[in-house]
Amino acid sequence: MAAGTIAMWVKAVATAILAGVIAQILVQPPGALASVPWLLRYGAVLAGFIAFLLARRSIFAGAFCGELVMLAAKWALG
């Protein structure tokens, strides 16, 4: 098995785990996230997905943008 193949597999597994965590947070938000409106949570995911696509499929950019949108919107709502 080539090193490139192993790296691709590791990236695929990490992406799948991140997707699972995001889905779990959307469906059953834990703790303080339960007080965040569902529309805001889904909007943050959409913003993160758009950033992911615009940043040439950068998982970091998508996660960072989604978190930034979530924090800014929650701060604006009070």
Protein backbone atom coordinates (compact mmCIF):
# COMPACT_ATOMS: atom_id res chain seq x y z
CA MET A 1 0.00 0.00 0.00
CA ALA A 2 1.45 3.35 -0.99
CA ALA A 3 1.80 6.20 1.51
CA GLY A 4 -0.57 8.34 -0.57
CA THR A 5 -3.27 5.69 -0.36
CA ILE A 6 -2.97 5.48 3.41
CA ALA A 7 -3.14 9.27 3.73
CA MET A 8 -6.30 9.35 1.58
CA TRP A 9 -7.87 6.64 3.76
CA VAL A 10 -7.01 8.53 6.96
CA LYS A 11 -8.51 11.73 5.54
CA ALA A 12 -11.67 9.87 4.51
CA VAL A 13 -12.08 8.37 7.99
CA ALA A 14 -11.50 11.75 9.67
CA THR A 15 -14.05 13.38 7.36
CA ALA A 16 -16.61 10.67 8.11
CA ILE A 17 -16.11 11.08 11.86
CA LEU A 18 -16.50 14.86 11.58
CA ALA A 19 -19.69 14.44 9.52
CA GLY A 20 -21.07 12.08 12.16
CA VAL A 21 -20.33 14.51 14.98
CA ILE A 22 -21.96 17.38 13.07
CA ALA A 23 -25.06 15.28 12.35
CA GLN A 24 -25.31 14.29 16.01
CA ILE A 25 -25.02 17.93 17.12
CA LEU A 26 -27.73 18.99 14.66
CA VAL A 27 -30.21 16.28 15.63
CA GLN A 28 -29.60 16.15 19.40
CA PRO A 29 -27.67 19.24 20.49
CA PRO A 30 -25.89 18.77 23.82
CA GLY A 31 -25.83 21.23 26.70
CA ALA A 32 -25.81 24.92 25.79
CA LEU A 33 -26.33 24.15 22.10
CA ALA A 34 -29.85 22.98 22.94
CA SER A 35 -30.77 26.64 23.51
CA VAL A 36 -29.62 27.62 20.01
CA PRO A 37 -32.53 27.74 17.53
CA TRP A 38 -32.54 24.93 14.96
CA LEU A 39 -32.53 27.42 12.08
CA LEU A 40 -29.29 28.97 13.37
CA ARG A 41 -27.65 25.53 13.69
CA TYR A 42 -28.62 24.51 10.17
CA GLY A 43 -27.61 27.94 8.83
CA ALA A 44 -24.16 27.56 10.38
CA VAL A 45 -23.79 24.14 8.76
CA LEU A 46 -24.83 25.58 5.39
CA ALA A 47 -22.33 28.44 5.75
CA GLY A 48 -19.62 25.95 6.68
CA PHE A 49 -20.45 23.76 3.69
CA ILE A 50 -20.29 26.73 1.32
CA ALA A 51 -16.94 27.77 2.80
CA PHE A 52 -15.74 24.17 2.42
CA LEU A 53 -16.58 24.26 -1.29
CA LEU A 54 -15.18 27.75 -1.89
CA ALA A 55 -11.92 26.94 -0.11
CA ARG A 56 -11.22 24.01 -2.44
CA ARG A 57 -12.68 21.37 -0.11
CA SER A 58 -10.81 22.52 2.99
CA ILE A 59 -12.31 20.84 6.05
CA PHE A 60 -10.62 23.38 8.32
CA ALA A 61 -12.18 26.32 6.43
CA GLY A 62 -15.64 24.75 6.57
CA ALA A 63 -15.49 23.93 10.27
CA PHE A 64 -14.02 27.32 11.15
CA CYS A 65 -16.61 29.25 9.13
CA GLY A 66 -19.50 27.24 10.56
CA GLU A 67 -18.29 27.81 14.10
CA LEU A 68 -17.74 31.50 13.44
CA VAL A 69 -21.28 31.90 12.06
CA MET A 70 -22.71 30.00 15.03
CA LEU A 71 -20.85 32.12 17.59
CA ALA A 72 -21.62 35.42 15.86
CA ALA A 73 -25.32 34.64 15.50
CA LYS A 74 -25.63 33.43 19.09
CA TRP A 75 -23.82 36.55 20.30
CA ALA A 76 -26.15 38.76 18.20
CA LEU A 77 -29.23 37.02 19.62
CA GLY A 78 -27.95 37.54 23.14
